[in-house]
Amino acid sequence: MLRRLALLGLIVVGLVLGAGPATAGNGGPVTCPPGSAPDPVSQKCVIVVTDPGQAPRPGGGGGGGTGSTAPASCTFTLVSPTRKVPCSSTEGWWVQSQQCYAKAASPQPPLSDPVWAGHSDGQVYDCYRPINGPMAVGITFQIWLARPPAGAPPDPRVLARQAVATMGLRAVRIGIVPEDAPGRVGLVGMPVWLWADAPGPQTMGPVTRSASAGGYTVTATARVARVVWSMGDGGSVTCSGAGTPYVDRYGTASSPTCGYRYARQGRFTVTATSDWVVAWSGLGQSGTIPVQLRDSTTVTIGEAQVLRR
């Protein structure tokens, strides 16, 4: 598969390889060396490069559509004379600026792949370009597009984020002993209890929502994977659940699920970071979205004094 070095923009003039054209006398497929591709007009092998400074033009089948409206017409301009082509085929949806049929790659390559060119939004598409017309043998390569081609299904990750936006996710409401109140002081070396106060779907999960566009739906489910408590003295504790609320009968016992002990006295800011994992699926794809939410309080720790007479 021919992979572009830079993935946005119009195809610019390539470097002509070899001596003479790489034609097939019967108009059949053209075979070129690795790293090059046949030019539909000159029938010579060229190295295809792109201009990273130009973005695909929106509308008109140029790769900037919303995924809900098909272009009025699509044209194949790399042949002479220019001819109209179907705006969709089994290979995908026509991208006018790239002169190819594009459909979302599945699975999507990792963000470290050069095809993303440093982007983290949009999608990577398998792009099929005919050589002598829409029914001829063509070449396939990959491109990055910020938005789906006109008429194509929406980006499922966009719908997933829309679903997350309707969930009303919140940070946990901190439960802690000793609490932040006048006269409440903990002691160095004594147990500190940590928990999520009154946990519910919006603070711990699970919560499920869906989002739709153009007849397509993505469903997402969010739940807290862990709560990381930063204790303000440089220490932290990671708890896998909501923790255990303290009641007076526990006395000086340690929390069985989420606790801490301070080694020095002082007034410390305690921050609870909820690490959410949102799992989504739809349009034949699936993935996860991380979400972090935080809440803070303060705690006062003193030292026990021994009185001598």
Protein backbone atom coordinates (compact mmCIF):
# COMPACT_ATOMS: atom_id res chain seq x y z
CA MET A 1 0.00 0.00 0.00
CA LEU A 2 1.31 3.42 -0.96
CA ARG A 3 1.51 5.56 2.12
CA ARG A 4 1.75 9.32 1.81
CA LEU A 5 4.47 11.15 3.68
CA ALA A 6 2.25 14.16 4.26
CA LEU A 7 -1.44 13.62 4.29
CA LEU A 8 -3.24 16.86 3.58
CA GLY A 9 -3.35 18.85 0.38
CA LEU A 10 -3.44 18.42 -3.34
CA ILE A 11 -1.12 16.07 -5.18
CA VAL A 12 1.83 18.00 -6.53
CA VAL A 13 4.13 17.21 -9.37
CA GLY A 14 5.97 13.91 -8.84
CA LEU A 15 9.45 12.84 -9.80
CA VAL A 16 9.47 10.91 -13.06
CA LEU A 17 11.30 7.62 -12.72
CA GLY A 18 13.05 5.38 -15.22
CA ALA A 19 13.49 5.86 -18.92
CA GLY A 20 10.22 6.26 -20.71
CA PRO A 21 6.58 5.47 -19.97
CA ALA A 22 5.36 2.41 -18.09
CA THR A 23 2.42 1.74 -20.39
CA ALA A 24 0.45 -1.41 -20.92
CA GLY A 25 -0.27 -1.63 -24.63
CA ASN A 26 -3.80 -2.96 -24.13
CA GLY A 27 -4.70 -0.23 -21.65
CA GLY A 28 -4.42 -2.66 -18.71
CA PRO A 29 -2.78 -2.13 -15.33
CA VAL A 30 0.55 -0.32 -15.16
CA THR A 31 3.28 -1.87 -12.98
CA CYS A 32 5.68 0.51 -11.25
CA PRO A 33 8.65 0.04 -8.90
CA PRO A 34 8.05 0.11 -5.11
CA GLY A 35 7.57 3.62 -3.76
CA SER A 36 6.03 4.96 -6.98
CA ALA A 37 2.67 4.92 -8.73
CA PRO A 38 1.41 5.22 -12.33
CA ASP A 39 0.25 8.64 -13.48
CA PRO A 40 -3.14 8.23 -15.23
CA VAL A 41 -2.39 10.91 -17.81
CA SER A 42 1.25 10.40 -18.79
CA GLN A 43 1.31 6.67 -17.98
CA LYS A 44 4.72 7.20 -16.38
CA CYS A 45 5.75 6.02 -12.94
CA VAL A 46 5.85 8.91 -10.51
CA ILE A 47 6.61 9.37 -6.85
CA VAL A 48 3.50 10.83 -5.25
CA VAL A 49 4.08 13.54 -2.65
CA THR A 50 1.76 16.08 -1.08
CA ASP A 51 1.84 19.65 0.07
CA PRO A 52 1.34 19.61 3.87
CA GLY A 53 0.51 23.29 3.87
CA GLN A 54 -2.83 22.88 2.14
CA ALA A 55 -5.94 21.31 3.59
CA PRO A 56 -8.72 19.52 1.70
CA ARG A 57 -11.34 21.90 0.38
CA PRO A 58 -14.75 21.54 2.04
CA GLY A 59 -17.89 20.76 0.10
CA GLY A 60 -18.38 19.49 -3.44
CA GLY A 61 -17.09 16.04 -2.55
CA GLY A 62 -13.71 17.50 -1.61
CA GLY A 63 -13.33 15.72 1.69
CA GLY A 64 -14.66 18.50 3.91
CA GLY A 65 -18.29 17.46 4.04
CA THR A 66 -20.22 16.74 7.21
CA GLY A 67 -21.03 13.18 6.25
CA SER A 68 -24.72 13.97 5.83
CA THR A 69 -24.99 15.56 2.38
CA ALA A 70 -23.73 13.98 -0.83
CA PRO A 71 -22.14 16.26 -3.46
CA ALA A 72 -24.11 17.19 -6.58
CA SER A 73 -21.47 15.72 -8.90
CA CYS A 74 -17.98 14.26 -8.78
CA THR A 75 -15.32 14.50 -11.46
CA PHE A 76 -12.14 12.58 -12.24
CA THR A 77 -9.71 15.26 -13.38
CA LEU A 78 -6.54 13.16 -13.66
CA VAL A 79 -7.66 11.87 -17.07
CA SER A 80 -8.23 13.71 -20.30
CA PRO A 81 -10.91 14.54 -21.03
CA THR A 82 -12.23 15.04 -17.48
CA ARG A 83 -15.09 12.67 -16.77
CA LYS A 84 -17.83 12.37 -14.21
CA VAL A 85 -17.60 9.48 -11.73
CA PRO A 86 -20.10 8.10 -9.20
CA CYS A 87 -19.84 9.96 -5.91
CA SER A 88 -19.85 6.66 -4.02
CA SER A 89 -18.85 3.10 -4.79
CA THR A 90 -17.90 -0.10 -3.03
CA GLU A 91 -14.53 1.58 -2.40
CA GLY A 92 -16.03 4.50 -0.46
CA TRP A 93 -16.96 8.13 -1.12
CA TRP A 94 -15.31 10.38 -3.68
CA VAL A 95 -12.84 12.95 -2.30
CA GLN A 96 -12.50 15.54 -5.04
CA SER A 97 -9.29 17.13 -3.74
CA GLN A 98 -7.58 13.74 -3.47
CA GLN A 99 -9.15 12.18 -6.60
CA CYS A 100 -9.96 8.92 -4.85
CA TYR A 101 -12.69 6.95 -3.10
CA ALA A 102 -12.19 7.03 0.68
CA LYS A 103 -13.55 4.93 3.50
CA ALA A 104 -12.47 4.89 7.13
CA ALA A 105 -9.62 2.50 7.83
CA SER A 106 -10.57 -0.28 10.23
CA PRO A 107 -8.87 -0.62 12.56
CA GLN A 108 -7.52 2.91 12.74
CA PRO A 109 -3.71 3.06 12.88
CA PRO A 110 -2.17 4.20 16.18
CA LEU A 111 -1.67 7.93 16.62
CA SER A 112 2.08 7.34 16.43
CA ASP A 113 1.70 6.33 12.77
CA PRO A 114 3.07 9.03 10.40
CA VAL A 115 -0.20 8.93 8.48
CA TRP A 116 -1.76 11.08 11.24
CA ALA A 117 0.85 13.82 10.64
CA GLY A 118 0.61 14.85 14.29
CA HIS A 119 -3.19 15.12 14.37
CA SER A 120 -5.40 13.43 16.96
CA ASP A 121 -8.80 14.41 15.54
CA GLY A 122 -10.44 13.28 12.30
CA GLN A 123 -9.83 9.82 10.87
CA VAL A 124 -7.46 7.92 8.62
CA TYR A 125 -9.01 6.69 5.38
CA ASP A 126 -8.09 4.02 2.85
CA CYS A 127 -8.13 5.93 -0.44
CA TYR A 128 -8.60 4.13 -3.78
CA ARG A 129 -7.72 6.03 -6.97
CA PRO A 130 -8.75 4.64 -10.37
CA ILE A 131 -6.11 4.65 -13.09
CA ASN A 132 -8.14 4.77 -16.31
CA GLY A 133 -11.61 5.32 -14.95
CA PRO A 134 -13.90 4.28 -12.11
CA MET A 135 -13.97 0.59 -13.11
CA ALA A 136 -10.25 0.21 -13.87
CA VAL A 137 -7.51 -1.15 -11.67
CA GLY A 138 -6.31 1.55 -9.31
CA ILE A 139 -3.85 2.34 -6.55
CA THR A 140 -4.59 2.45 -2.82
CA PHE A 141 -3.00 4.64 -0.18
CA GLN A 142 -3.94 6.21 3.14
CA ILE A 143 -4.83 9.79 3.97
CA TRP A 144 -5.90 11.76 7.04
CA LEU A 145 -9.07 13.88 6.84
CA ALA A 146 -10.41 16.22 9.51
CA ARG A 147 -14.00 15.43 8.48
CA PRO A 148 -15.63 12.57 6.58
CA PRO A 149 -16.04 12.90 2.80
CA ALA A 150 -19.35 14.41 1.72
CA GLY A 151 -22.06 11.75 1.91
CA ALA A 152 -19.98 9.39 4.06
CA PRO A 153 -21.00 8.21 7.54
CA PRO A 154 -20.04 10.51 10.43
CA ASP A 155 -16.89 9.98 12.47
CA PRO A 156 -18.01 7.60 15.27
CA ARG A 157 -15.60 9.19 17.72
CA VAL A 158 -17.34 12.53 17.24
CA LEU A 159 -20.66 10.89 18.07
CA ALA A 160 -19.04 9.19 21.08
CA ARG A 161 -17.89 12.55 22.42
CA GLN A 162 -21.38 13.94 21.88
CA ALA A 163 -22.76 11.04 23.92
CA VAL A 164 -20.28 11.76 26.71
CA ALA A 165 -21.35 15.41 26.76
CA THR A 166 -24.91 14.35 27.70
CA MET A 167 -23.84 12.11 30.60
CA GLY A 168 -23.39 14.87 33.20
CA LEU A 169 -20.26 13.26 34.64
CA ARG A 170 -18.96 14.83 37.86
CA ALA A 171 -16.02 14.40 40.19
CA VAL A 172 -16.61 12.40 43.35
CA ARG A 173 -17.80 14.34 46.36
CA ILE A 174 -15.00 13.80 48.86
CA GLY A 175 -15.64 11.95 52.08
CA ILE A 176 -12.72 12.14 54.51
CA VAL A 177 -11.96 11.72 58.19
CA PRO A 178 -10.70 13.91 59.71
CA GLU A 179 -12.99 16.24 57.77
CA ASP A 180 -12.35 19.89 56.96
CA ALA A 181 -14.26 21.48 59.84
CA PRO A 182 -13.44 23.67 62.85
CA GLY A 183 -11.83 21.63 65.62
CA ARG A 184 -11.33 18.53 63.42
CA VAL A 185 -7.68 17.53 63.58
CA GLY A 186 -6.06 14.24 62.72
CA LEU A 187 -2.87 12.90 64.22
CA VAL A 188 0.44 11.92 62.69
CA GLY A 189 0.49 8.16 62.16
CA MET A 190 -3.25 7.72 62.71
CA PRO A 191 -5.59 6.40 59.97
CA VAL A 192 -7.18 8.78 57.48
CA TRP A 193 -10.32 7.42 55.78
CA LEU A 194 -11.10 8.32 52.16
CA TRP A 195 -14.28 7.61 50.21
CA ALA A 196 -16.70 8.92 47.59
CA ASP A 197 -19.64 10.42 49.45
CA ALA A 198 -23.09 9.36 48.14
CA PRO A 199 -21.74 7.75 44.95
CA GLY A 200 -24.07 7.54 41.96
CA PRO A 201 -24.02 7.02 38.19
CA GLN A 202 -22.80 10.57 37.52
CA THR A 203 -19.91 10.31 40.01
CA MET A 204 -18.89 6.64 39.73
CA GLY A 205 -20.87 5.14 36.84
CA PRO A 206 -21.92 3.21 35.00
CA VAL A 207 -23.90 5.57 32.82
CA THR A 208 -24.85 4.90 29.19
CA ARG A 209 -25.87 7.37 26.50
CA SER A 210 -26.16 7.35 22.70
CA ALA A 211 -25.74 9.95 19.96
CA SER A 212 -26.98 9.77 16.38
CA ALA A 213 -26.44 11.54 13.07
CA GLY A 214 -27.45 10.72 9.52
CA GLY A 215 -29.16 7.50 10.60
CA TYR A 216 -26.03 6.23 12.42
CA THR A 217 -25.78 5.70 16.20
CA VAL A 218 -22.91 5.34 18.64
CA THR A 219 -23.48 4.11 22.20
CA ALA A 220 -21.07 4.90 25.04
CA THR A 221 -20.83 3.64 28.61
CA ALA A 222 -18.75 5.45 31.25
CA ARG A 223 -17.49 4.17 34.59
CA VAL A 224 -14.77 5.16 37.05
CA ALA A 225 -11.79 2.84 36.79
CA ARG A 226 -10.02 4.27 39.86
CA VAL A 227 -9.80 7.30 42.13
CA VAL A 228 -6.32 8.69 42.79
CA TRP A 229 -6.05 10.63 46.04
CA SER A 230 -3.17 13.13 46.15
CA MET A 231 -2.66 13.81 49.85
CA GLY A 232 -0.79 17.13 49.66
CA ASP A 233 2.37 15.91 51.37
CA GLY A 234 3.82 14.31 48.24
CA GLY A 235 2.09 10.99 48.87
CA SER A 236 -0.89 9.46 47.08
CA VAL A 237 -3.14 6.44 47.26
CA THR A 238 -5.05 4.77 44.41
CA CYS A 239 -8.42 3.19 45.19
CA SER A 240 -10.32 0.96 42.78
CA GLY A 241 -13.76 1.71 44.14
CA ALA A 242 -15.77 4.28 46.05
CA GLY A 243 -14.13 3.45 49.38
CA THR A 244 -15.78 2.80 52.75
CA PRO A 245 -17.56 5.64 54.61
CA TYR A 246 -16.34 6.15 58.17
CA VAL A 247 -18.70 5.74 61.12
CA ASP A 248 -17.89 6.35 64.79
CA ARG A 249 -17.90 2.68 65.76
CA TYR A 250 -14.76 2.09 63.66
CA GLY A 251 -12.76 4.12 66.18
CA THR A 252 -9.05 4.18 65.28
CA ALA A 253 -9.23 1.27 62.82
CA SER A 254 -7.82 1.64 59.32
CA SER A 255 -10.09 1.82 56.31
CA PRO A 256 -10.44 -1.62 54.71
CA THR A 257 -10.60 -0.17 51.19
CA CYS A 258 -9.08 3.32 50.93
CA GLY A 259 -6.95 4.98 53.58
CA TYR A 260 -3.75 6.86 54.36
CA ARG A 261 -1.46 7.88 57.22
CA TYR A 262 0.46 11.15 57.45
CA ALA A 263 4.06 11.12 58.64
CA ARG A 264 4.19 14.81 59.58
CA GLN A 265 1.90 17.51 60.85
CA GLY A 266 0.49 20.36 58.78
CA ARG A 267 -2.50 21.52 56.78
CA PHE A 268 -2.74 19.64 53.47
CA THR A 269 -4.82 19.94 50.31
CA VAL A 270 -6.31 16.59 49.35
CA THR A 271 -7.33 16.14 45.69
CA ALA A 272 -9.42 13.23 44.44
CA THR A 273 -8.99 12.55 40.70
CA SER A 274 -11.61 10.29 39.15
CA ASP A 275 -10.22 8.38 36.17
CA TRP A 276 -13.18 7.55 33.95
CA VAL A 277 -13.07 5.13 31.04
CA VAL A 278 -15.75 5.62 28.38
CA ALA A 279 -16.17 2.59 26.12
CA TRP A 280 -18.03 3.28 22.87
CA SER A 281 -19.09 1.30 19.81
CA GLY A 282 -20.92 2.00 16.56
CA LEU A 283 -20.52 2.12 12.76
CA GLY A 284 -18.47 -1.06 12.94
CA GLN A 285 -15.85 0.55 15.19
CA SER A 286 -15.17 0.75 18.92
CA GLY A 287 -12.82 2.51 21.26
CA THR A 288 -12.34 4.22 24.61
CA ILE A 289 -12.21 7.84 25.75
CA PRO A 290 -10.40 8.76 29.00
CA VAL A 291 -11.98 11.43 31.21
CA GLN A 292 -10.49 12.91 34.38
CA LEU A 293 -12.48 14.92 36.94
CA ARG A 294 -11.18 16.40 40.22
CA ASP A 295 -12.39 17.67 43.57
CA SER A 296 -10.37 18.98 46.52
CA THR A 297 -10.61 19.59 50.25
CA THR A 298 -8.20 20.26 53.10
CA VAL A 299 -7.19 18.28 56.17
CA THR A 300 -5.33 19.33 59.32
CA ILE A 301 -2.86 16.94 60.95
CA GLY A 302 -1.28 17.54 64.35
CA GLU A 303 0.99 15.68 66.73
CA ALA A 304 -0.04 14.14 70.02
CA GLN A 305 1.60 15.93 72.95
CA VAL A 306 2.64 14.19 76.14
CA LEU A 307 1.95 16.33 79.21
CA ARG A 308 4.35 16.03 82.11
CA ARG A 309 3.80 17.33 85.61
